[in-house]
Amino acid sequence: MATTHTPDTGDLTPAERRSVNDCLDRVIAAERAIAREQAVLAEARSQLADIADRQRERLGDTGGHDVAGRAMAAELAAAVRVSPRTAQAHLSEAQSLVHDFPAAVAALHAGRMSASQARAVAAEGLRLPTEIRPEYARDAVDAASSATPGQTRRIAQKVAESLDPEPLRERHHRARQDRRVAATPVGDGMSELWALLPTPIAEGVFDRLTRMARTVRDDRRAVAREQAKTQGTTGTPDAAHPTGRAFGVAPLAQDAFDTGPASTATPLAQGATGTAPAPPEHGRVRPSRPGAAAGRHPR
């Protein structure tokens, strides 16, 4: 018998309602079956990685060459038609998931968690010492049993922070070493700009960009109103304010990407809601040099 799911999708006939319920039941069953198969896949990959580890020990490979690991990754890559590097990443990820986060694997077997949720739990737990990862996984899985993947990551972060024996100040100091900026072309003359920054800096940049965008939007509306008035009076556009010109764009852009002395940079994050000013050592965020695909944030 089909389950009645909520919320209702609208004015459906009884036959349509039954059909929707039946389809949703099949989707749920399929998702659970996929989760179980993902658990089987992770365990098989983990076992391959374990075999490579034992082979490495027999060979006495202590020089860091990892011949056994690369050979196993190459064999897996040929079997499933992926690159050796991708296969090696799959082996490492699966081995960590199975050995360090068994509660996540059990949740996959039971269909209580998707593979993306299990990966989120494992990713957030990697910061923890190995001996407390199983406890963390149990708590994270219980807390995120009905969450989405995005919610699962946030829940897992909180659980990991509550169990992490390392003080926050030390974790932040270590995490700052991974600051970086990357630009990725996406076609049609557009690129994505991605940055990993300390939170005060990131929130300050976001606040500045948001205020710039709002100013541009308001200026364009003001231009449109002035043009409408001019056209209504003379029947021709105002030559002093051509269509589409935003009054504040150039000064705002110059201010946002000023390449002046870094000592003037501390106000950058002061407009961020609930955030203290950025420390002076962060410096002003500057645009990358033309043609740069990726770079490191100044330290």
Protein backbone atom coordinates (compact mmCIF):
# COMPACT_ATOMS: atom_id res chain seq x y z
CA MET A 1 0.00 0.00 0.00
CA ALA A 2 1.37 3.40 -0.97
CA THR A 3 2.39 5.84 1.73
CA THR A 4 0.80 9.27 1.93
CA HIS A 5 3.55 11.86 1.62
CA THR A 6 3.44 15.52 2.59
CA PRO A 7 3.36 18.32 1.67
CA ASP A 8 0.60 18.07 -0.91
CA THR A 9 1.63 19.12 -4.42
CA GLY A 10 -1.66 20.83 -5.27
CA ASP A 11 -5.10 19.99 -6.56
CA LEU A 12 -4.56 16.37 -7.58
CA THR A 13 -7.22 13.90 -8.48
CA PRO A 14 -7.42 10.78 -6.28
CA ALA A 15 -5.80 8.76 -9.08
CA GLU A 16 -2.96 11.28 -9.43
CA ARG A 17 -2.46 11.32 -5.65
CA ARG A 18 -2.11 7.54 -5.63
CA SER A 19 0.30 7.69 -8.54
CA VAL A 20 2.43 10.35 -6.84
CA ASN A 21 2.55 8.32 -3.62
CA ASP A 22 3.56 5.21 -5.52
CA CYS A 23 6.33 7.06 -7.37
CA LEU A 24 7.64 8.58 -4.13
CA ASP A 25 7.68 5.15 -2.49
CA ARG A 26 9.72 3.80 -5.38
CA VAL A 27 12.11 6.75 -5.22
CA ILE A 28 12.66 6.20 -1.49
CA ALA A 29 13.20 2.47 -1.99
CA ALA A 30 15.67 3.13 -4.80
CA GLU A 31 17.57 5.71 -2.73
CA ARG A 32 17.89 3.23 0.12
CA ALA A 33 19.06 0.52 -2.26
CA ILE A 34 21.67 2.90 -3.71
CA ALA A 35 22.87 3.74 -0.18
CA ARG A 36 23.28 0.04 0.59
CA GLU A 37 25.23 -0.50 -2.62
CA GLN A 38 27.41 2.50 -1.78
CA ALA A 39 28.27 0.81 1.52
CA VAL A 40 29.22 -2.37 -0.35
CA LEU A 41 31.31 -0.29 -2.77
CA ALA A 42 33.12 1.49 0.06
CA GLU A 43 33.90 -1.79 1.82
CA ALA A 44 35.24 -3.37 -1.38
CA ARG A 45 37.47 -0.36 -2.09
CA SER A 46 38.65 -0.34 1.52
CA GLN A 47 39.56 -4.01 1.29
CA LEU A 48 41.62 -3.33 -1.84
CA ALA A 49 43.46 -0.58 0.03
CA ASP A 50 44.07 -2.95 2.96
CA ILE A 51 45.55 -5.54 0.62
CA ALA A 52 47.88 -2.89 -0.83
CA ASP A 53 48.94 -1.92 2.69
CA ARG A 54 49.83 -5.50 3.56
CA GLN A 55 51.75 -5.85 0.31
CA ARG A 56 53.62 -2.63 1.07
CA GLU A 57 54.67 -4.03 4.44
CA ARG A 58 55.90 -7.26 2.86
CA LEU A 59 57.93 -5.32 0.30
CA GLY A 60 59.39 -3.12 3.01
CA ASP A 61 58.53 -0.02 1.00
CA THR A 62 59.68 2.70 3.38
CA GLY A 63 61.01 5.11 0.77
CA GLY A 64 57.67 6.74 0.10
CA HIS A 65 57.33 5.30 -3.41
CA ASP A 66 54.16 3.33 -2.54
CA VAL A 67 54.58 0.90 -5.42
CA ALA A 68 51.87 -1.38 -4.02
CA GLY A 69 49.37 1.46 -3.62
CA ARG A 70 49.96 2.78 -7.13
CA ALA A 71 49.69 -0.71 -8.62
CA MET A 72 46.39 -1.35 -6.85
CA ALA A 73 45.05 2.04 -7.95
CA ALA A 74 46.08 1.29 -11.54
CA GLU A 75 44.29 -2.06 -11.44
CA LEU A 76 41.12 -0.48 -10.07
CA ALA A 77 41.34 2.34 -12.61
CA ALA A 78 41.51 -0.13 -15.49
CA ALA A 79 38.56 -2.10 -14.10
CA VAL A 80 36.18 0.84 -13.70
CA ARG A 81 37.60 3.17 -16.39
CA VAL A 82 38.77 6.09 -14.30
CA SER A 83 42.17 7.73 -14.00
CA PRO A 84 44.70 6.14 -11.61
CA ARG A 85 44.70 9.32 -9.51
CA THR A 86 40.92 9.17 -9.13
CA ALA A 87 41.10 5.49 -8.26
CA GLN A 88 43.75 6.17 -5.62
CA ALA A 89 41.56 8.88 -4.08
CA HIS A 90 38.61 6.46 -3.99
CA LEU A 91 40.71 3.84 -2.21
CA SER A 92 41.98 6.28 0.40
CA GLU A 93 38.54 7.78 1.03
CA ALA A 94 36.88 4.39 1.36
CA GLN A 95 39.56 3.06 3.70
CA SER A 96 39.16 6.04 6.00
CA LEU A 97 35.37 5.81 5.93
CA VAL A 98 35.28 2.10 6.76
CA HIS A 99 37.98 2.05 9.44
CA ASP A 100 37.51 5.45 11.09
CA PHE A 101 33.77 6.09 10.72
CA PRO A 102 32.03 2.69 10.94
CA ALA A 103 28.74 4.22 12.12
CA ALA A 104 28.45 6.05 8.80
CA VAL A 105 28.95 2.80 6.89
CA ALA A 106 26.33 1.09 9.07
CA ALA A 107 23.92 3.94 8.31
CA LEU A 108 24.54 3.43 4.60
CA HIS A 109 23.80 -0.29 4.92
CA ALA A 110 20.54 0.53 6.73
CA GLY A 111 19.53 3.11 4.12
CA ARG A 112 19.45 5.82 6.79
CA MET A 113 22.07 7.99 5.14
CA SER A 114 23.15 8.77 1.59
CA ALA A 115 26.70 8.47 0.29
CA SER A 116 27.05 12.27 0.18
CA GLN A 117 26.01 12.48 3.83
CA ALA A 118 28.49 9.77 4.80
CA ARG A 119 31.25 11.63 2.95
CA ALA A 120 30.32 14.84 4.80
CA VAL A 121 30.55 13.04 8.14
CA ALA A 122 33.95 11.60 7.23
CA ALA A 123 35.30 14.89 5.86
CA GLU A 124 34.45 16.80 9.03
CA GLY A 125 35.82 14.02 11.25
CA LEU A 126 39.26 13.96 9.66
CA ARG A 127 40.35 16.80 11.93
CA LEU A 128 39.90 14.57 14.98
CA PRO A 129 42.41 12.13 16.46
CA THR A 130 41.91 8.61 15.11
CA GLU A 131 40.90 7.17 18.47
CA ILE A 132 37.81 9.39 18.85
CA ARG A 133 36.58 9.24 15.26
CA PRO A 134 34.25 6.23 15.83
CA GLU A 135 32.55 8.05 18.74
CA TYR A 136 32.24 11.17 16.63
CA ALA A 137 30.70 9.18 13.76
CA ARG A 138 28.05 7.69 16.06
CA ASP A 139 27.07 11.11 17.38
CA ALA A 140 27.09 12.75 13.95
CA VAL A 141 25.01 10.00 12.33
CA ASP A 142 22.42 10.12 15.13
CA ALA A 143 22.19 13.91 14.93
CA ALA A 144 21.92 14.00 11.13
CA SER A 145 19.64 11.03 10.52
CA SER A 146 16.90 13.17 8.89
CA ALA A 147 19.07 15.99 7.53
CA THR A 148 20.01 16.99 3.99
CA PRO A 149 23.67 16.67 2.89
CA GLY A 150 24.25 20.38 3.49
CA GLN A 151 22.66 20.22 6.92
CA THR A 152 24.64 17.06 7.67
CA ARG A 153 27.93 18.88 7.08
CA ARG A 154 26.95 21.70 9.44
CA ILE A 155 25.77 19.23 12.08
CA ALA A 156 28.96 17.20 11.71
CA GLN A 157 31.04 20.36 12.11
CA LYS A 158 29.36 21.12 15.44
CA VAL A 159 29.80 17.55 16.67
CA ALA A 160 33.46 17.54 15.64
CA GLU A 161 34.09 20.86 17.37
CA SER A 162 32.51 19.57 20.58
CA LEU A 163 34.86 16.56 20.60
CA ASP A 164 38.03 18.17 19.27
CA PRO A 165 40.68 18.27 22.04
CA GLU A 166 42.71 20.92 20.20
CA PRO A 167 41.89 24.54 21.20
CA LEU A 168 40.13 26.68 18.60
CA ARG A 169 42.97 29.22 18.49
CA GLU A 170 45.47 26.53 17.47
CA ARG A 171 43.10 25.04 14.90
CA HIS A 172 42.54 28.46 13.36
CA HIS A 173 46.27 29.16 13.20
CA ARG A 174 46.80 25.88 11.34
CA ALA A 175 43.82 26.41 9.03
CA ARG A 176 45.14 29.85 8.03
CA GLN A 177 48.06 28.15 6.31
CA ASP A 178 45.61 26.87 3.68
CA ARG A 179 44.48 30.34 2.55
CA ARG A 180 44.28 30.53 -1.22
CA VAL A 181 42.51 32.16 -4.16
CA ALA A 182 41.65 30.54 -7.49
CA ALA A 183 40.04 31.74 -10.71
CA THR A 184 38.34 29.19 -12.97
CA PRO A 185 37.08 30.07 -16.49
CA VAL A 186 33.50 28.87 -17.06
CA GLY A 187 33.02 30.01 -20.66
CA ASP A 188 31.37 32.93 -22.44
CA GLY A 189 33.98 35.31 -21.10
CA MET A 190 33.10 34.53 -17.48
CA SER A 191 35.09 33.06 -14.60
CA GLU A 192 34.45 31.91 -11.07
CA LEU A 193 36.56 33.53 -8.36
CA TRP A 194 36.98 31.32 -5.28
CA ALA A 195 38.80 32.20 -2.08
CA LEU A 196 39.52 30.49 1.22
CA LEU A 197 39.97 33.27 3.77
CA PRO A 198 39.69 33.91 7.50
CA THR A 199 36.04 34.53 8.34
CA PRO A 200 36.38 38.26 9.20
CA ILE A 201 38.06 38.92 5.85
CA ALA A 202 35.55 36.79 3.90
CA GLU A 203 32.55 38.46 5.54
CA GLY A 204 34.08 41.88 4.96
CA VAL A 205 34.63 41.17 1.26
CA PHE A 206 31.09 39.80 0.92
CA ASP A 207 29.65 42.84 2.69
CA ARG A 208 31.61 45.24 0.48
CA LEU A 209 30.53 43.48 -2.73
CA THR A 210 26.91 43.42 -1.56
CA ARG A 211 26.93 47.14 -0.85
CA MET A 212 28.57 47.83 -4.22
CA ALA A 213 25.90 45.79 -6.01
CA ARG A 214 23.09 47.59 -4.20
CA THR A 215 24.60 50.97 -5.06
CA VAL A 216 24.89 50.02 -8.73
CA ARG A 217 21.28 48.79 -8.72
CA ASP A 218 20.01 51.99 -7.07
CA ASP A 219 22.02 54.18 -9.44
CA ARG A 220 20.60 52.40 -12.46
CA ARG A 221 17.10 52.91 -11.16
CA ALA A 222 17.84 56.58 -10.61
CA VAL A 223 19.17 56.85 -14.19
CA ALA A 224 16.03 55.16 -15.52
CA ARG A 225 13.80 57.56 -13.60
CA GLU A 226 15.75 60.60 -14.87
CA GLN A 227 15.56 59.33 -18.43
CA ALA A 228 11.85 58.71 -18.11
CA LYS A 229 11.37 62.30 -16.90
CA THR A 230 13.58 63.70 -19.69
CA GLN A 231 11.86 61.69 -22.39
CA GLY A 232 8.49 62.70 -21.05
CA THR A 233 9.47 66.37 -21.24
CA THR A 234 11.53 66.58 -24.45
CA GLY A 235 10.86 63.26 -26.15
CA THR A 236 14.61 62.48 -26.34
CA PRO A 237 17.04 60.80 -23.93
CA ASP A 238 19.21 63.04 -21.79
CA ALA A 239 22.64 63.07 -23.44
CA ALA A 240 24.34 63.59 -20.11
CA HIS A 241 23.05 60.27 -18.79
CA PRO A 242 23.16 57.59 -21.53
CA THR A 243 21.14 54.43 -21.10
CA GLY A 244 22.64 51.90 -18.71
CA ARG A 245 25.25 54.15 -17.10
CA ALA A 246 25.58 53.57 -13.36
CA PHE A 247 26.87 56.68 -11.62
CA GLY A 248 28.72 55.00 -8.77
CA VAL A 249 30.40 52.08 -10.54
CA ALA A 250 33.83 53.52 -11.31
CA PRO A 251 34.49 55.12 -7.91
CA LEU A 252 33.19 52.04 -6.12
CA ALA A 253 35.28 49.67 -8.20
CA GLN A 254 38.36 51.82 -7.65
CA ASP A 255 37.72 51.88 -3.90
CA ALA A 256 37.06 48.12 -3.66
CA PHE A 257 40.17 47.11 -5.54
CA ASP A 258 42.50 49.85 -4.39
CA THR A 259 46.11 48.71 -4.66
CA GLY A 260 47.36 51.24 -2.13
CA PRO A 261 49.37 50.44 0.99
CA ALA A 262 48.24 47.39 2.94
CA SER A 263 48.27 49.49 6.13
CA THR A 264 44.98 51.08 4.99
CA ALA A 265 43.22 47.72 4.79
CA THR A 266 41.86 47.20 8.29
CA PRO A 267 38.43 48.84 7.64
CA LEU A 268 37.64 46.21 5.00
CA ALA A 269 35.82 43.86 7.36
CA GLN A 270 34.33 46.49 9.67
CA GLY A 271 31.04 46.52 7.80
CA ALA A 272 30.49 42.78 8.22
CA THR A 273 27.58 42.00 10.48
CA GLY A 274 28.63 40.63 13.83
CA THR A 275 32.29 40.50 12.86
CA ALA A 276 35.27 42.22 14.41
CA PRO A 277 37.62 44.26 12.18
CA ALA A 278 40.14 42.20 10.26
CA PRO A 279 43.58 42.01 11.91
CA PRO A 280 46.15 44.35 10.27
CA GLU A 281 48.37 41.46 9.19
CA HIS A 282 45.74 40.23 6.73
CA GLY A 283 46.31 43.17 4.37
CA ARG A 284 43.94 44.49 1.73
CA VAL A 285 42.44 42.01 -0.71
CA ARG A 286 43.83 42.87 -4.12
CA PRO A 287 42.79 41.61 -7.56
CA SER A 288 44.93 38.87 -9.07
CA ARG A 289 47.32 39.81 -11.82
CA PRO A 290 45.88 39.41 -15.35
CA GLY A 291 45.95 35.85 -16.56
CA ALA A 292 46.56 34.32 -13.14
CA ALA A 293 44.64 31.09 -12.77
CA ALA A 294 45.31 30.58 -9.07
CA GLY A 295 47.36 32.09 -6.31
CA ARG A 296 48.05 32.23 -2.62
CA HIS A 297 46.55 34.86 -0.35
CA PRO A 298 49.28 37.16 1.08
CA ARG A 299 50.39 36.05 4.50
